[in-house]
Amino acid sequence: MLLGALTDLLFPRACMGCGKPAREAARYFCWDCLSRLDVIRPPFCRLCGDPVDGAAEGDFLCSECLSHAPAFDQARSAARYRGVLQTTLQDFKYHGATWLSRDFGMLLLACFQTHYSALAIDTILYVPLFPAKERDRSFNQAGLLAHALSTQLRGLPVKQRLVKLQPTQTQTHLTAVKRRANVHGTFSITDKSAIAGQRILLIDDVMTTGATVNECARMLKQAGAEAVFVLTVARG
């Protein structure tokens, strides 16, 4: 605590969103920028958590979940992928701003406490990168988020059992159908016996169509996982 206060005094932290002093909030976001996050609130699909604009009554399934039932049991995201959250997640993922993992971990914690706190979760896993890509980047952003959340939860362990077997093209400009095809069969389980009967929390940074987390969940279910719950910082 004292060391942190001294460091802040000598090297004041600036908000990644607006550049103003950020020490009143978490670490690298001021309260003004946090308040401008487009936090996901109902109504949203009861399975994938995709929010809808306008009114919707009761539990409902979106058209994507109705046409392609997901392998995961539920997915939830903290806020929409826009504004300051979009720019800072891009800095985190593509420009090495790994110091943001704790701030994003706190957003994950808030989302977890809102939607999953009553669930019995056994372990945290995260979406893997292809090894060559992770070496080039020097980190896996989903892994950093998973460990940041684990620290906040104080006891829920990260026990990674997922690997990516082959590289894939970026999903950014692909349709939902092509995204599913792009990731199909690209993930595997390192220890199926450690997955059997487990209730898993699967972490990623951004969920758009859900193709990647769904393929991971499919493999986990094939390995005997009892349930897979997805948690991401943002929803595209």
Protein backbone atom coordinates (compact mmCIF):
# COMPACT_ATOMS: atom_id res chain seq x y z
CA MET A 1 0.00 0.00 0.00
CA LEU A 2 2.74 2.49 1.03
CA LEU A 3 4.89 1.56 -1.97
CA GLY A 4 1.92 1.99 -4.29
CA ALA A 5 1.11 5.40 -2.84
CA LEU A 6 4.75 6.50 -3.17
CA THR A 7 4.90 5.27 -6.78
CA ASP A 8 1.69 7.17 -7.59
CA LEU A 9 3.19 10.28 -6.06
CA LEU A 10 6.38 10.05 -8.12
CA PHE A 11 4.76 8.71 -11.32
CA PRO A 12 1.08 9.74 -11.35
CA ARG A 13 -1.13 7.39 -13.33
CA ALA A 14 -3.18 8.86 -16.16
CA CYS A 15 -6.52 7.51 -17.33
CA MET A 16 -6.14 5.50 -20.54
CA GLY A 17 -9.41 6.96 -21.76
CA CYS A 18 -9.06 10.68 -21.25
CA GLY A 19 -5.57 11.30 -19.82
CA LYS A 20 -6.82 12.74 -16.52
CA PRO A 21 -5.45 11.49 -13.17
CA ALA A 22 -6.75 7.97 -12.54
CA ARG A 23 -5.78 7.19 -8.98
CA GLU A 24 -9.30 7.78 -7.62
CA ALA A 25 -10.58 4.74 -9.54
CA ALA A 26 -9.07 1.31 -10.16
CA ARG A 27 -5.65 1.78 -11.76
CA TYR A 28 -5.81 3.20 -15.27
CA PHE A 29 -9.41 4.41 -15.65
CA CYS A 30 -10.94 7.49 -14.05
CA TRP A 31 -14.47 7.44 -12.69
CA ASP A 32 -15.75 9.56 -15.59
CA CYS A 33 -14.55 7.04 -18.19
CA LEU A 34 -15.81 4.10 -16.13
CA SER A 35 -19.22 5.75 -15.93
CA ARG A 36 -19.32 6.06 -19.71
CA LEU A 37 -18.87 2.34 -20.32
CA ASP A 38 -21.88 0.87 -22.08
CA VAL A 39 -22.59 -1.72 -19.38
CA ILE A 40 -24.73 -4.58 -20.60
CA ARG A 41 -28.13 -4.64 -18.94
CA PRO A 42 -31.34 -6.51 -19.74
CA PRO A 43 -32.85 -7.30 -22.12
CA PHE A 44 -30.37 -9.83 -23.49
CA CYS A 45 -30.47 -13.39 -24.77
CA ARG A 46 -30.66 -15.75 -21.80
CA LEU A 47 -28.05 -18.08 -23.36
CA CYS A 48 -25.41 -15.99 -25.15
CA GLY A 49 -26.08 -12.69 -23.36
CA ASP A 50 -26.32 -10.70 -26.62
CA PRO A 51 -28.09 -7.42 -25.71
CA VAL A 52 -30.95 -6.08 -27.76
CA ASP A 53 -31.97 -2.48 -28.27
CA GLY A 54 -35.57 -1.74 -27.40
CA ALA A 55 -38.04 -3.63 -25.25
CA ALA A 56 -38.25 -7.37 -24.68
CA GLU A 57 -40.26 -9.15 -22.01
CA GLY A 58 -39.13 -12.17 -20.02
CA ASP A 59 -36.44 -14.69 -20.94
CA PHE A 60 -35.84 -15.03 -24.65
CA LEU A 61 -33.42 -16.62 -27.10
CA CYS A 62 -31.80 -14.62 -29.88
CA SER A 63 -32.10 -15.80 -33.47
CA GLU A 64 -28.50 -17.08 -33.48
CA CYS A 65 -29.05 -19.31 -30.44
CA LEU A 66 -32.33 -20.55 -31.90
CA SER A 67 -30.70 -21.52 -35.20
CA HIS A 68 -27.38 -22.75 -33.74
CA ALA A 69 -27.73 -23.91 -30.13
CA PRO A 70 -24.45 -23.07 -28.36
CA ALA A 71 -22.27 -25.68 -26.68
CA PHE A 72 -21.73 -23.42 -23.67
CA ASP A 73 -24.39 -23.16 -20.99
CA GLN A 74 -24.35 -19.40 -20.69
CA ALA A 75 -22.27 -16.40 -21.77
CA ARG A 76 -22.10 -12.97 -20.20
CA SER A 77 -20.02 -9.83 -20.91
CA ALA A 78 -19.38 -6.74 -18.81
CA ALA A 79 -19.94 -4.02 -21.43
CA ARG A 80 -20.28 -3.40 -25.14
CA TYR A 81 -17.18 -3.23 -27.31
CA ARG A 82 -17.27 0.45 -28.09
CA GLY A 83 -15.84 3.76 -26.98
CA VAL A 84 -13.05 3.76 -24.42
CA LEU A 85 -13.43 0.02 -23.78
CA GLN A 86 -12.80 -0.78 -27.44
CA THR A 87 -9.72 1.44 -27.73
CA THR A 88 -8.17 0.22 -24.47
CA LEU A 89 -8.84 -3.44 -25.23
CA GLN A 90 -7.09 -2.93 -28.56
CA ASP A 91 -4.14 -1.34 -26.74
CA PHE A 92 -4.12 -4.28 -24.32
CA LYS A 93 -4.32 -6.94 -27.01
CA TYR A 94 -2.29 -5.52 -29.89
CA HIS A 95 0.03 -2.93 -28.33
CA GLY A 96 1.24 -4.69 -25.22
CA ALA A 97 -0.65 -2.62 -22.61
CA THR A 98 -0.62 -5.59 -20.27
CA TRP A 99 -0.82 -3.32 -17.21
CA LEU A 100 -4.54 -2.96 -17.99
CA SER A 101 -5.24 -6.60 -17.04
CA ARG A 102 -6.10 -5.70 -13.44
CA ASP A 103 -8.64 -3.05 -14.50
CA PHE A 104 -10.27 -5.44 -16.94
CA GLY A 105 -10.13 -8.14 -14.27
CA MET A 106 -12.23 -5.90 -12.03
CA LEU A 107 -14.81 -5.53 -14.81
CA LEU A 108 -14.87 -9.32 -15.12
CA LEU A 109 -15.30 -9.61 -11.36
CA ALA A 110 -18.30 -7.26 -11.40
CA CYS A 111 -19.86 -9.24 -14.24
CA PHE A 112 -19.14 -12.55 -12.48
CA GLN A 113 -20.73 -11.33 -9.24
CA THR A 114 -23.78 -10.12 -11.14
CA HIS A 115 -24.44 -13.27 -13.16
CA TYR A 116 -22.45 -16.22 -11.84
CA SER A 117 -21.86 -15.73 -8.11
CA ALA A 118 -24.48 -18.33 -7.17
CA LEU A 119 -22.95 -21.00 -9.41
CA ALA A 120 -20.60 -23.70 -8.22
CA ILE A 121 -17.54 -23.21 -10.45
CA ASP A 122 -14.62 -25.63 -10.21
CA THR A 123 -11.96 -23.96 -12.32
CA ILE A 124 -11.13 -21.13 -14.71
CA LEU A 125 -9.91 -21.79 -18.25
CA TYR A 126 -9.17 -19.32 -21.02
CA VAL A 127 -9.18 -19.27 -24.82
CA PRO A 128 -5.68 -20.28 -25.99
CA LEU A 129 -3.59 -18.75 -28.76
CA PHE A 130 -1.67 -20.76 -31.30
CA PRO A 131 1.82 -21.18 -29.71
CA ALA A 132 3.68 -19.31 -32.45
CA LYS A 133 1.29 -16.37 -32.15
CA GLU A 134 1.64 -16.31 -28.38
CA ARG A 135 5.43 -16.31 -28.71
CA ASP A 136 5.29 -13.39 -31.13
CA ARG A 137 2.95 -11.45 -28.84
CA SER A 138 4.79 -12.63 -25.69
CA PHE A 139 1.51 -13.06 -23.80
CA ASN A 140 -2.04 -14.36 -24.10
CA GLN A 141 -4.49 -11.59 -23.25
CA ALA A 142 -7.19 -14.08 -22.20
CA GLY A 143 -4.70 -15.77 -19.88
CA LEU A 144 -3.81 -12.47 -18.22
CA LEU A 145 -7.51 -11.77 -17.70
CA ALA A 146 -8.13 -15.23 -16.26
CA HIS A 147 -5.33 -14.83 -13.73
CA ALA A 148 -6.45 -11.30 -12.84
CA LEU A 149 -9.95 -12.61 -12.12
CA SER A 150 -8.60 -15.58 -10.17
CA THR A 151 -6.66 -13.18 -7.94
CA GLN A 152 -9.83 -11.18 -7.29
CA LEU A 153 -11.85 -14.30 -6.50
CA ARG A 154 -9.16 -15.55 -4.10
CA GLY A 155 -9.45 -19.27 -4.47
CA LEU A 156 -10.93 -20.16 -7.86
CA PRO A 157 -7.91 -21.61 -9.69
CA VAL A 158 -6.77 -21.24 -13.28
CA LYS A 159 -5.99 -24.71 -14.62
CA GLN A 160 -5.56 -24.36 -18.36
CA ARG A 161 -6.43 -27.52 -20.30
CA LEU A 162 -7.08 -26.01 -23.72
CA VAL A 163 -4.58 -25.77 -26.58
CA LYS A 164 -4.87 -24.37 -30.08
CA LEU A 165 -3.63 -26.85 -32.67
CA GLN A 166 -3.36 -24.66 -35.75
CA PRO A 167 -3.34 -20.99 -36.71
CA THR A 168 -6.49 -19.39 -38.05
CA GLN A 169 -7.15 -16.23 -40.00
CA THR A 170 -8.47 -13.26 -38.06
CA GLN A 171 -12.20 -13.43 -37.36
CA THR A 172 -12.68 -9.66 -37.64
CA HIS A 173 -14.15 -9.46 -41.15
CA LEU A 174 -15.75 -12.92 -41.36
CA THR A 175 -19.44 -13.69 -41.29
CA ALA A 176 -20.89 -15.81 -38.47
CA VAL A 177 -20.94 -18.88 -40.70
CA LYS A 178 -17.32 -18.39 -41.79
CA ARG A 179 -16.25 -17.74 -38.19
CA ARG A 180 -17.63 -21.10 -37.11
CA ALA A 181 -15.88 -22.85 -40.00
CA ASN A 182 -12.64 -20.95 -39.35
CA VAL A 183 -12.26 -22.26 -35.78
CA HIS A 184 -13.84 -25.70 -36.15
CA GLY A 185 -11.48 -28.42 -34.96
CA THR A 186 -8.68 -26.01 -34.03
CA PHE A 187 -8.78 -26.62 -30.25
CA SER A 188 -7.94 -29.67 -28.18
CA ILE A 189 -7.84 -30.77 -24.53
CA THR A 190 -4.51 -31.60 -22.88
CA ASP A 191 -5.94 -33.72 -20.05
CA LYS A 192 -9.50 -35.02 -20.54
CA SER A 193 -9.54 -36.72 -17.15
CA ALA A 194 -9.10 -33.31 -15.50
CA ILE A 195 -12.12 -31.94 -17.39
CA ALA A 196 -14.64 -34.71 -16.73
CA GLY A 197 -17.40 -33.57 -14.39
CA GLN A 198 -16.00 -30.05 -14.05
CA ARG A 199 -18.02 -26.83 -14.05
CA ILE A 200 -15.81 -24.43 -15.99
CA LEU A 201 -15.60 -20.66 -16.31
CA LEU A 202 -14.14 -19.85 -19.74
CA ILE A 203 -12.50 -16.42 -20.15
CA ASP A 204 -11.84 -14.31 -23.26
CA ASP A 205 -11.44 -10.61 -23.93
CA VAL A 206 -14.17 -10.00 -26.52
CA MET A 207 -17.12 -12.07 -27.70
CA THR A 208 -18.69 -11.18 -31.04
CA THR A 209 -20.60 -14.07 -32.62
CA GLY A 210 -19.30 -16.48 -29.99
CA ALA A 211 -17.75 -18.86 -32.53
CA THR A 212 -14.41 -19.15 -30.72
CA VAL A 213 -15.72 -19.66 -27.18
CA ASN A 214 -18.39 -22.00 -28.52
CA GLU A 215 -15.79 -24.21 -30.21
CA CYS A 216 -13.79 -24.30 -26.98
CA ALA A 217 -16.95 -25.20 -25.07
CA ARG A 218 -17.77 -27.93 -27.58
CA MET A 219 -14.41 -29.57 -27.00
CA LEU A 220 -14.75 -29.24 -23.23
CA LYS A 221 -18.19 -30.84 -23.32
CA GLN A 222 -16.85 -33.67 -25.48
CA ALA A 223 -14.17 -34.22 -22.82
CA GLY A 224 -16.91 -34.59 -20.19
CA ALA A 225 -17.27 -31.10 -18.70
CA GLU A 226 -20.52 -30.82 -16.78
CA ALA A 227 -21.03 -27.14 -17.66
CA VAL A 228 -19.20 -24.28 -19.39
CA PHE A 229 -19.95 -20.66 -18.53
CA VAL A 230 -18.35 -17.95 -20.68
CA LEU A 231 -17.24 -14.60 -19.29
CA THR A 232 -15.73 -11.78 -21.39
CA VAL A 233 -14.85 -8.15 -20.81
CA ALA A 234 -16.70 -6.92 -23.90
CA ARG A 235 -19.43 -7.95 -26.31
CA GLY A 236 -18.98 -6.97 -29.93
